[in-house]
Amino acid sequence: MEGKTSYLVEITPEAELYYFDLLEYLYKTHTPESASNKADEILGMAMSLDQNPKRGSDERRLAFLDKGHRFLLYKITSRKQVKVIYFVDELNKTVYVTDFFPTKMDDKRISKRGK
């Protein structure tokens, strides 16, 4: 029986700021309980990347950075979602979460935020 490789998950300082922006939005548009639950689930989704981080989809808008960015999609509502954007450093077994991107924003902004 093979052991599963576990990765360290690090949230970059920029991603942390984007997460706090997301929290502000959630608490303005949802009940405090709902906002808290969604915030916990989104952060939990990011932290779950410690196991099988390659399960996300390729983030083609960040391909120019050549780091293999991927994303997981969290549905806030049927029309609003958040992309948890990250890349994997296989050498150091570390996953870097670089953004919590609300899909209601213009997708072209991902490449500007990803620099």
C-alpha atoms as a PDB file:
ATOM      1  CA  MET A   1       0.000   0.000   0.000  1.00  0.00           C
ATOM      2  CA  GLU A   2       1.443   3.311  -1.098  1.00  0.00           C
ATOM      3  CA  GLY A   3       1.343   6.360   1.162  1.00  0.00           C
ATOM      4  CA  LYS A   4      -0.137   9.519  -0.280  1.00  0.00           C
ATOM      5  CA  THR A   5       2.128  12.491  -0.714  1.00  0.00           C
ATOM      6  CA  SER A   6       1.065  15.432   1.380  1.00  0.00           C
ATOM      7  CA  TYR A   7       1.786  18.986   0.268  1.00  0.00           C
ATOM      8  CA  LEU A   8       2.203  22.161   2.266  1.00  0.00           C
ATOM      9  CA  VAL A   9      -0.424  24.758   1.299  1.00  0.00           C
ATOM     10  CA  GLU A  10       0.679  28.383   1.425  1.00  0.00           C
ATOM     11  CA  ILE A  11      -1.598  31.322   0.736  1.00  0.00           C
ATOM     12  CA  THR A  12       0.397  34.159  -0.799  1.00  0.00           C
ATOM     13  CA  PRO A  13       0.116  37.651   0.736  1.00  0.00           C
ATOM     14  CA  GLU A  14      -1.735  38.844  -2.384  1.00  0.00           C
ATOM     15  CA  ALA A  15      -4.195  35.950  -2.174  1.00  0.00           C
ATOM     16  CA  GLU A  16      -4.786  36.775   1.472  1.00  0.00           C
ATOM     17  CA  LEU A  17      -5.787  40.318   0.483  1.00  0.00           C
ATOM     18  CA  TYR A  18      -8.116  38.945  -2.206  1.00  0.00           C
ATOM     19  CA  TYR A  19      -9.629  36.600   0.383  1.00  0.00           C
ATOM     20  CA  PHE A  20     -10.353  39.548   2.707  1.00  0.00           C
ATOM     21  CA  ASP A  21     -11.972  41.399  -0.224  1.00  0.00           C
ATOM     22  CA  LEU A  22     -14.105  38.324  -0.805  1.00  0.00           C
ATOM     23  CA  LEU A  23     -15.079  38.230   2.880  1.00  0.00           C
ATOM     24  CA  GLU A  24     -16.181  41.850   2.689  1.00  0.00           C
ATOM     25  CA  TYR A  25     -18.412  40.997  -0.280  1.00  0.00           C
ATOM     26  CA  LEU A  26     -19.849  37.898   1.427  1.00  0.00           C
ATOM     27  CA  TYR A  27     -20.721  39.752   4.621  1.00  0.00           C
ATOM     28  CA  LYS A  28     -22.386  42.558   2.647  1.00  0.00           C
ATOM     29  CA  THR A  29     -24.529  40.213   0.545  1.00  0.00           C
ATOM     30  CA  HIS A  30     -25.314  37.273   2.863  1.00  0.00           C
ATOM     31  CA  THR A  31     -26.445  36.709   6.419  1.00  0.00           C
ATOM     32  CA  PRO A  32     -23.554  36.568   8.887  1.00  0.00           C
ATOM     33  CA  GLU A  33     -24.031  32.806   9.343  1.00  0.00           C
ATOM     34  CA  SER A  34     -24.157  32.135   5.598  1.00  0.00           C
ATOM     35  CA  ALA A  35     -21.155  34.377   4.932  1.00  0.00           C
ATOM     36  CA  SER A  36     -19.157  32.657   7.666  1.00  0.00           C
ATOM     37  CA  ASN A  37     -20.030  29.198   6.330  1.00  0.00           C
ATOM     38  CA  LYS A  38     -19.104  30.134   2.766  1.00  0.00           C
ATOM     39  CA  ALA A  39     -15.841  31.756   3.894  1.00  0.00           C
ATOM     40  CA  ASP A  40     -14.911  28.614   5.850  1.00  0.00           C
ATOM     41  CA  GLU A  41     -15.791  26.352   2.915  1.00  0.00           C
ATOM     42  CA  ILE A  42     -13.738  28.421   0.449  1.00  0.00           C
ATOM     43  CA  LEU A  43     -10.712  28.442   2.754  1.00  0.00           C
ATOM     44  CA  GLY A  44     -11.237  24.732   3.427  1.00  0.00           C
ATOM     45  CA  MET A  45     -11.255  24.081  -0.309  1.00  0.00           C
ATOM     46  CA  ALA A  46      -7.910  25.868  -0.623  1.00  0.00           C
ATOM     47  CA  MET A  47      -6.403  23.964   2.303  1.00  0.00           C
ATOM     48  CA  SER A  48      -7.646  20.643   0.903  1.00  0.00           C
ATOM     49  CA  LEU A  49      -5.072  21.035  -1.848  1.00  0.00           C
ATOM     50  CA  ASP A  50      -2.608  19.367   0.513  1.00  0.00           C
ATOM     51  CA  GLN A  51      -3.945  16.121  -0.975  1.00  0.00           C
ATOM     52  CA  ASN A  52      -4.123  15.641  -4.757  1.00  0.00           C
ATOM     53  CA  PRO A  53      -3.431  19.254  -5.806  1.00  0.00           C
ATOM     54  CA  LYS A  54      -3.488  18.408  -9.517  1.00  0.00           C
ATOM     55  CA  ARG A  55      -7.256  17.832  -9.427  1.00  0.00           C
ATOM     56  CA  GLY A  56      -7.974  21.428 -10.448  1.00  0.00           C
ATOM     57  CA  SER A  57      -8.513  22.637 -14.000  1.00  0.00           C
ATOM     58  CA  ASP A  58      -5.826  24.501 -15.939  1.00  0.00           C
ATOM     59  CA  GLU A  59      -6.076  28.300 -15.662  1.00  0.00           C
ATOM     60  CA  ARG A  60      -5.306  29.221 -19.255  1.00  0.00           C
ATOM     61  CA  ARG A  61      -5.254  32.971 -18.566  1.00  0.00           C
ATOM     62  CA  LEU A  62      -2.116  32.492 -16.458  1.00  0.00           C
ATOM     63  CA  ALA A  63      -0.297  30.162 -18.866  1.00  0.00           C
ATOM     64  CA  PHE A  64       2.111  32.991 -19.752  1.00  0.00           C
ATOM     65  CA  LEU A  65       3.592  32.701 -16.227  1.00  0.00           C
ATOM     66  CA  ASP A  66       4.629  29.111 -17.028  1.00  0.00           C
ATOM     67  CA  LYS A  67       3.926  27.824 -13.503  1.00  0.00           C
ATOM     68  CA  GLY A  68       1.045  25.525 -14.353  1.00  0.00           C
ATOM     69  CA  HIS A  69      -1.648  27.507 -12.562  1.00  0.00           C
ATOM     70  CA  ARG A  70      -4.844  25.608 -11.843  1.00  0.00           C
ATOM     71  CA  PHE A  71      -8.121  26.424 -10.155  1.00  0.00           C
ATOM     72  CA  LEU A  72     -10.927  24.913  -8.141  1.00  0.00           C
ATOM     73  CA  LEU A  73     -14.389  26.416  -8.487  1.00  0.00           C
ATOM     74  CA  TYR A  74     -16.585  27.208  -5.492  1.00  0.00           C
ATOM     75  CA  LYS A  75     -20.219  28.090  -6.190  1.00  0.00           C
ATOM     76  CA  ILE A  76     -21.485  30.891  -3.977  1.00  0.00           C
ATOM     77  CA  THR A  77     -24.807  30.965  -5.840  1.00  0.00           C
ATOM     78  CA  SER A  78     -25.933  29.586  -9.188  1.00  0.00           C
ATOM     79  CA  ARG A  79     -24.610  32.758 -10.855  1.00  0.00           C
ATOM     80  CA  LYS A  80     -21.644  33.654  -8.661  1.00  0.00           C
ATOM     81  CA  GLN A  81     -18.549  31.555  -8.204  1.00  0.00           C
ATOM     82  CA  VAL A  82     -15.032  31.935  -6.876  1.00  0.00           C
ATOM     83  CA  LYS A  83     -11.931  30.464  -8.451  1.00  0.00           C
ATOM     84  CA  VAL A  84      -9.309  29.318  -5.959  1.00  0.00           C
ATOM     85  CA  ILE A  85      -6.237  29.782  -8.157  1.00  0.00           C
ATOM     86  CA  TYR A  86      -2.958  28.060  -7.339  1.00  0.00           C
ATOM     87  CA  PHE A  87       0.166  26.385  -8.651  1.00  0.00           C
ATOM     88  CA  VAL A  88       2.158  23.416  -7.407  1.00  0.00           C
ATOM     89  CA  ASP A  89       5.880  23.438  -6.656  1.00  0.00           C
ATOM     90  CA  GLU A  90       6.624  19.710  -6.968  1.00  0.00           C
ATOM     91  CA  LEU A  91      10.249  20.065  -5.911  1.00  0.00           C
ATOM     92  CA  ASN A  92       9.294  21.478  -2.506  1.00  0.00           C
ATOM     93  CA  LYS A  93       5.898  19.716  -2.300  1.00  0.00           C
ATOM     94  CA  THR A  94       4.187  23.082  -1.802  1.00  0.00           C
ATOM     95  CA  VAL A  95       0.934  24.440  -3.215  1.00  0.00           C
ATOM     96  CA  TYR A  96       0.813  28.227  -3.552  1.00  0.00           C
ATOM     97  CA  VAL A  97      -2.687  29.691  -3.523  1.00  0.00           C
ATOM     98  CA  THR A  98      -2.365  32.937  -5.469  1.00  0.00           C
ATOM     99  CA  ASP A  99      -5.929  34.231  -5.795  1.00  0.00           C
ATOM    100  CA  PHE A 100      -9.537  33.944  -4.707  1.00  0.00           C
ATOM    101  CA  PHE A 101     -11.068  35.289  -7.926  1.00  0.00           C
ATOM    102  CA  PRO A 102     -14.806  36.067  -8.128  1.00  0.00           C
ATOM    103  CA  THR A 103     -15.940  34.944 -11.575  1.00  0.00           C
ATOM    104  CA  LYS A 104     -18.380  37.825 -11.773  1.00  0.00           C
ATOM    105  CA  MET A 105     -15.298  39.930 -12.470  1.00  0.00           C
ATOM    106  CA  ASP A 106     -13.907  40.201 -15.979  1.00  0.00           C
ATOM    107  CA  ASP A 107     -11.827  37.054 -16.609  1.00  0.00           C
ATOM    108  CA  LYS A 108      -9.154  39.161 -18.298  1.00  0.00           C
ATOM    109  CA  ARG A 109      -8.324  40.657 -14.885  1.00  0.00           C
ATOM    110  CA  ILE A 110      -6.921  37.290 -13.773  1.00  0.00           C
ATOM    111  CA  SER A 111      -3.764  37.821 -15.788  1.00  0.00           C
ATOM    112  CA  LYS A 112      -3.280  41.289 -14.257  1.00  0.00           C
ATOM    113  CA  ARG A 113      -3.794  39.993 -10.724  1.00  0.00           C
ATOM    114  CA  GLY A 114      -1.586  36.957 -11.323  1.00  0.00           C
ATOM    115  CA  LYS A 115       1.643  38.888 -11.851  1.00  0.00           C
END
